[in-house]
Amino acid sequence: MRHFFRTAVGAAVCTLGLSLAAQAQTAPPAGRLLASNCFQCHGTNGKGPGFDKLTGESSSEIYKDLKEFASGKEGSGIMAKHAMGYTDAQLQSLSNWLSTQR
């Protein structure tokens, strides 16, 4: 009976480990999910027509702009409302992701 228990526990641990490894491999890049909120106006990957293009900007420039929106320095429009909804870490992650889009 002990042998069966050890084998069952070992199999369960291996299965859990493989499952966690598979989940880690399929996780989207940091910031990508947050950026999906931007696509409505700015288009997929920040190339949308009619609104500011987000492609080609550095992470620090995008972050600076988002922080200005969040502080209210850029007015109280829709971008200010969006930016106020993110933490600093989320704004940085979002900026990093958007800066990689071309």
N, C-alpha and C. Protein backbone atom coordinates (compact mmCIF):
# COMPACT_ATOMS: atom_id res chain seq x y z
N MET A 1 0.82 -1.19 0.00
CA MET A 1 0.00 0.00 0.00
C MET A 1 0.87 1.25 0.00
N ARG A 2 1.98 1.19 0.76
CA ARG A 2 2.88 2.35 0.79
C ARG A 2 3.43 2.65 -0.59
N HIS A 3 3.79 1.62 -1.30
CA HIS A 3 4.32 1.80 -2.64
C HIS A 3 3.30 2.49 -3.55
N PHE A 4 2.05 2.09 -3.44
CA PHE A 4 0.99 2.71 -4.24
C PHE A 4 0.86 4.19 -3.89
N PHE A 5 0.88 4.51 -2.59
CA PHE A 5 0.74 5.89 -2.13
C PHE A 5 1.90 6.74 -2.64
N ARG A 6 3.12 6.25 -2.52
CA ARG A 6 4.29 6.99 -3.01
C ARG A 6 4.20 7.22 -4.52
N THR A 7 3.79 6.20 -5.24
CA THR A 7 3.66 6.32 -6.69
C THR A 7 2.58 7.33 -7.06
N ALA A 8 1.46 7.29 -6.36
CA ALA A 8 0.35 8.21 -6.64
C ALA A 8 0.76 9.65 -6.32
N VAL A 9 1.45 9.84 -5.21
CA VAL A 9 1.90 11.19 -4.84
C VAL A 9 2.94 11.68 -5.85
N GLY A 10 3.85 10.83 -6.21
CA GLY A 10 4.87 11.21 -7.20
C GLY A 10 4.25 11.57 -8.54
N ALA A 11 3.27 10.81 -8.97
CA ALA A 11 2.59 11.11 -10.24
C ALA A 11 1.84 12.43 -10.15
N ALA A 12 1.21 12.69 -9.01
CA ALA A 12 0.46 13.94 -8.84
C ALA A 12 1.40 15.14 -8.85
N VAL A 13 2.54 15.02 -8.20
CA VAL A 13 3.51 16.12 -8.18
C VAL A 13 4.05 16.38 -9.59
N CYS A 14 4.36 15.33 -10.33
CA CYS A 14 4.85 15.49 -11.71
C CYS A 14 3.79 16.15 -12.58
N THR A 15 2.55 15.71 -12.45
CA THR A 15 1.46 16.28 -13.24
C THR A 15 1.28 17.76 -12.93
N LEU A 16 1.32 18.11 -11.65
CA LEU A 16 1.18 19.50 -11.24
C LEU A 16 2.33 20.33 -11.79
N GLY A 17 3.53 19.81 -11.72
CA GLY A 17 4.70 20.52 -12.24
C GLY A 17 4.61 20.76 -13.73
N LEU A 18 4.19 19.76 -14.48
CA LEU A 18 4.04 19.91 -15.93
C LEU A 18 2.92 20.89 -16.27
N SER A 19 1.85 20.85 -15.49
CA SER A 19 0.74 21.77 -15.72
C SER A 19 1.17 23.21 -15.49
N LEU A 20 1.91 23.45 -14.43
CA LEU A 20 2.39 24.80 -14.14
C LEU A 20 3.37 25.28 -15.20
N ALA A 21 4.21 24.38 -15.67
CA ALA A 21 5.17 24.74 -16.72
C ALA A 21 4.43 25.10 -18.01
N ALA A 22 3.38 24.37 -18.34
CA ALA A 22 2.61 24.67 -19.55
C ALA A 22 1.91 26.02 -19.42
N GLN A 23 1.38 26.31 -18.24
CA GLN A 23 0.73 27.60 -18.03
C GLN A 23 1.72 28.74 -18.15
N ALA A 24 2.91 28.56 -17.65
CA ALA A 24 3.93 29.61 -17.71
C ALA A 24 4.32 29.89 -19.16
N GLN A 25 4.32 28.88 -19.99
CA GLN A 25 4.70 29.05 -21.38
C GLN A 25 3.60 29.74 -22.20
N THR A 26 2.37 29.63 -21.78
CA THR A 26 1.27 30.20 -22.54
C THR A 26 0.82 31.57 -22.02
N ALA A 27 1.43 32.07 -20.99
CA ALA A 27 1.06 33.37 -20.44
C ALA A 27 1.43 34.47 -21.44
N PRO A 28 0.53 35.44 -21.65
CA PRO A 28 0.85 36.52 -22.58
C PRO A 28 1.95 37.41 -22.00
N PRO A 29 2.69 38.09 -22.85
CA PRO A 29 3.73 38.99 -22.37
C PRO A 29 3.15 40.06 -21.45
N ALA A 30 3.94 40.48 -20.49
CA ALA A 30 3.49 41.51 -19.55
C ALA A 30 3.05 42.75 -20.31
N GLY A 31 1.94 43.31 -19.93
CA GLY A 31 1.44 44.53 -20.55
C GLY A 31 0.51 44.30 -21.72
N ARG A 32 0.56 43.12 -22.32
CA ARG A 32 -0.25 42.87 -23.51
C ARG A 32 -1.75 42.91 -23.18
N LEU A 33 -2.14 42.27 -22.09
CA LEU A 33 -3.55 42.26 -21.72
C LEU A 33 -4.01 43.68 -21.38
N LEU A 34 -3.19 44.44 -20.69
CA LEU A 34 -3.54 45.82 -20.37
C LEU A 34 -3.69 46.64 -21.65
N ALA A 35 -2.83 46.39 -22.62
CA ALA A 35 -2.87 47.14 -23.88
C ALA A 35 -4.12 46.86 -24.68
N SER A 36 -4.77 45.74 -24.42
CA SER A 36 -6.00 45.45 -25.17
C SER A 36 -7.06 46.51 -24.92
N ASN A 37 -6.98 47.22 -23.81
CA ASN A 37 -7.91 48.32 -23.54
C ASN A 37 -7.63 49.52 -24.45
N CYS A 38 -6.44 49.63 -24.97
CA CYS A 38 -6.05 50.76 -25.82
C CYS A 38 -6.51 50.57 -27.26
N PHE A 39 -6.74 49.31 -27.65
CA PHE A 39 -7.00 48.99 -29.05
C PHE A 39 -8.29 49.58 -29.57
N GLN A 40 -9.26 49.81 -28.70
CA GLN A 40 -10.54 50.35 -29.15
C GLN A 40 -10.34 51.67 -29.90
N CYS A 41 -9.50 52.53 -29.36
CA CYS A 41 -9.26 53.84 -30.00
C CYS A 41 -7.99 53.88 -30.84
N HIS A 42 -6.93 53.24 -30.33
CA HIS A 42 -5.62 53.35 -30.98
C HIS A 42 -5.35 52.21 -31.95
N GLY A 43 -6.25 51.25 -32.04
CA GLY A 43 -6.08 50.14 -32.97
C GLY A 43 -5.13 49.07 -32.45
N THR A 44 -5.14 47.95 -33.12
CA THR A 44 -4.27 46.85 -32.75
C THR A 44 -2.81 47.29 -32.84
N ASN A 45 -2.07 47.01 -31.79
CA ASN A 45 -0.64 47.36 -31.70
C ASN A 45 -0.38 48.86 -31.78
N GLY A 46 -1.40 49.68 -31.49
CA GLY A 46 -1.19 51.13 -31.41
C GLY A 46 -1.08 51.84 -32.73
N LYS A 47 -1.63 51.27 -33.80
CA LYS A 47 -1.50 51.87 -35.13
C LYS A 47 -2.82 52.39 -35.67
N GLY A 48 -3.77 52.66 -34.77
CA GLY A 48 -5.11 53.01 -35.21
C GLY A 48 -5.23 54.36 -35.89
N PRO A 49 -6.15 54.48 -36.81
CA PRO A 49 -6.38 55.76 -37.49
C PRO A 49 -7.21 56.70 -36.61
N GLY A 50 -6.96 57.98 -36.77
CA GLY A 50 -7.78 58.97 -36.10
C GLY A 50 -7.32 59.37 -34.72
N PHE A 51 -6.55 58.55 -34.06
CA PHE A 51 -6.02 58.86 -32.73
C PHE A 51 -4.50 58.80 -32.79
N ASP A 52 -3.86 59.30 -31.75
CA ASP A 52 -2.40 59.26 -31.71
C ASP A 52 -1.90 57.83 -31.90
N LYS A 53 -0.88 57.70 -32.74
CA LYS A 53 -0.23 56.40 -32.91
C LYS A 53 0.71 56.18 -31.73
N LEU A 54 0.71 54.99 -31.21
CA LEU A 54 1.55 54.66 -30.06
C LEU A 54 2.84 53.96 -30.48
N THR A 55 2.92 53.53 -31.71
CA THR A 55 4.11 52.83 -32.17
C THR A 55 5.25 53.81 -32.38
N GLY A 56 6.46 53.33 -32.17
CA GLY A 56 7.64 54.16 -32.40
C GLY A 56 8.03 55.01 -31.21
N GLU A 57 7.23 55.01 -30.16
CA GLU A 57 7.55 55.77 -28.95
C GLU A 57 8.36 54.90 -28.00
N SER A 58 9.23 55.53 -27.24
CA SER A 58 9.99 54.78 -26.24
C SER A 58 9.10 54.50 -25.02
N SER A 59 9.48 53.51 -24.26
CA SER A 59 8.74 53.16 -23.06
C SER A 59 8.68 54.35 -22.10
N SER A 60 9.79 55.05 -21.95
CA SER A 60 9.82 56.18 -21.01
C SER A 60 8.92 57.32 -21.48
N GLU A 61 8.83 57.54 -22.78
CA GLU A 61 7.95 58.60 -23.30
C GLU A 61 6.48 58.24 -23.11
N ILE A 62 6.13 57.00 -23.41
CA ILE A 62 4.75 56.56 -23.21
C ILE A 62 4.39 56.64 -21.74
N TYR A 63 5.28 56.18 -20.87
CA TYR A 63 5.04 56.22 -19.43
C TYR A 63 4.85 57.66 -18.96
N LYS A 64 5.70 58.56 -19.41
CA LYS A 64 5.60 59.98 -19.03
C LYS A 64 4.25 60.54 -19.44
N ASP A 65 3.84 60.25 -20.66
CA ASP A 65 2.55 60.73 -21.15
C ASP A 65 1.39 60.17 -20.31
N LEU A 66 1.44 58.88 -20.02
CA LEU A 66 0.38 58.27 -19.23
C LEU A 66 0.32 58.85 -17.82
N LYS A 67 1.49 59.10 -17.23
CA LYS A 67 1.53 59.70 -15.89
C LYS A 67 0.95 61.11 -15.92
N GLU A 68 1.20 61.87 -16.99
CA GLU A 68 0.62 63.21 -17.11
C GLU A 68 -0.89 63.13 -17.25
N PHE A 69 -1.38 62.17 -18.01
CA PHE A 69 -2.83 61.99 -18.10
C PHE A 69 -3.40 61.64 -16.72
N ALA A 70 -2.74 60.71 -16.03
CA ALA A 70 -3.23 60.27 -14.73
C ALA A 70 -3.24 61.39 -13.69
N SER A 71 -2.32 62.33 -13.82
CA SER A 71 -2.24 63.43 -12.86
C SER A 71 -3.24 64.54 -13.15
N GLY A 72 -3.84 64.51 -14.34
CA GLY A 72 -4.78 65.55 -14.73
C GLY A 72 -4.13 66.70 -15.47
N LYS A 73 -2.82 66.67 -15.69
CA LYS A 73 -2.11 67.75 -16.40
C LYS A 73 -2.56 67.85 -17.85
N GLU A 74 -3.04 66.77 -18.41
CA GLU A 74 -3.46 66.74 -19.81
C GLU A 74 -4.97 66.88 -19.95
N GLY A 75 -5.63 67.37 -18.91
CA GLY A 75 -7.08 67.54 -18.96
C GLY A 75 -7.80 66.41 -18.25
N SER A 76 -9.10 66.36 -18.46
CA SER A 76 -9.91 65.36 -17.75
C SER A 76 -10.70 64.48 -18.72
N GLY A 77 -10.19 64.35 -19.94
CA GLY A 77 -10.87 63.55 -20.97
C GLY A 77 -10.76 62.06 -20.73
N ILE A 78 -11.08 61.33 -21.77
CA ILE A 78 -11.13 59.88 -21.69
C ILE A 78 -9.78 59.26 -21.35
N MET A 79 -8.68 59.84 -21.87
CA MET A 79 -7.35 59.29 -21.56
C MET A 79 -7.02 59.48 -20.09
N ALA A 80 -7.41 60.60 -19.51
CA ALA A 80 -7.17 60.82 -18.08
C ALA A 80 -7.93 59.77 -17.26
N LYS A 81 -9.15 59.51 -17.65
CA LYS A 81 -9.96 58.51 -16.93
C LYS A 81 -9.33 57.13 -17.03
N HIS A 82 -8.86 56.77 -18.21
CA HIS A 82 -8.20 55.46 -18.37
C HIS A 82 -6.92 55.40 -17.54
N ALA A 83 -6.08 56.40 -17.67
CA ALA A 83 -4.77 56.37 -16.99
C ALA A 83 -4.92 56.35 -15.48
N MET A 84 -5.94 57.01 -14.96
CA MET A 84 -6.16 57.03 -13.51
C MET A 84 -6.52 55.65 -12.97
N GLY A 85 -6.97 54.76 -13.85
CA GLY A 85 -7.39 53.43 -13.42
C GLY A 85 -6.26 52.42 -13.27
N TYR A 86 -5.05 52.82 -13.57
CA TYR A 86 -3.90 51.90 -13.50
C TYR A 86 -2.95 52.28 -12.38
N THR A 87 -2.29 51.27 -11.83
CA THR A 87 -1.22 51.51 -10.86
C THR A 87 0.03 51.93 -11.62
N ASP A 88 1.02 52.44 -10.91
CA ASP A 88 2.29 52.80 -11.55
C ASP A 88 2.93 51.58 -12.22
N ALA A 89 2.88 50.44 -11.54
CA ALA A 89 3.47 49.22 -12.11
C ALA A 89 2.74 48.81 -13.39
N GLN A 90 1.42 48.96 -13.42
CA GLN A 90 0.67 48.62 -14.62
C GLN A 90 0.97 49.61 -15.75
N LEU A 91 1.10 50.89 -15.42
CA LEU A 91 1.46 51.88 -16.44
C LEU A 91 2.83 51.57 -17.03
N GLN A 92 3.77 51.15 -16.19
CA GLN A 92 5.11 50.81 -16.68
C GLN A 92 5.06 49.57 -17.56
N SER A 93 4.31 48.57 -17.15
CA SER A 93 4.17 47.35 -17.94
C SER A 93 3.51 47.65 -19.27
N LEU A 94 2.48 48.46 -19.25
CA LEU A 94 1.78 48.87 -20.46
C LEU A 94 2.72 49.64 -21.39
N SER A 95 3.48 50.56 -20.83
CA SER A 95 4.44 51.35 -21.62
C SER A 95 5.49 50.46 -22.26
N ASN A 96 5.99 49.53 -21.49
CA ASN A 96 7.01 48.61 -22.02
C ASN A 96 6.46 47.80 -23.19
N TRP A 97 5.24 47.29 -23.04
CA TRP A 97 4.64 46.50 -24.12
C TRP A 97 4.43 47.35 -25.37
N LEU A 98 3.80 48.50 -25.18
CA LEU A 98 3.50 49.36 -26.34
C LEU A 98 4.76 49.80 -27.07
N SER A 99 5.85 50.00 -26.34
CA SER A 99 7.09 50.44 -26.98
C SER A 99 7.71 49.36 -27.87
N THR A 100 7.29 48.12 -27.71
CA THR A 100 7.84 47.04 -28.53
C THR A 100 7.04 46.86 -29.83
N GLN A 101 5.92 47.52 -29.95
CA GLN A 101 5.08 47.38 -31.14
C GLN A 101 5.58 48.27 -32.27
N ARG A 102 5.60 47.74 -33.46
CA ARG A 102 6.11 48.49 -34.62
C ARG A 102 5.10 48.52 -35.72
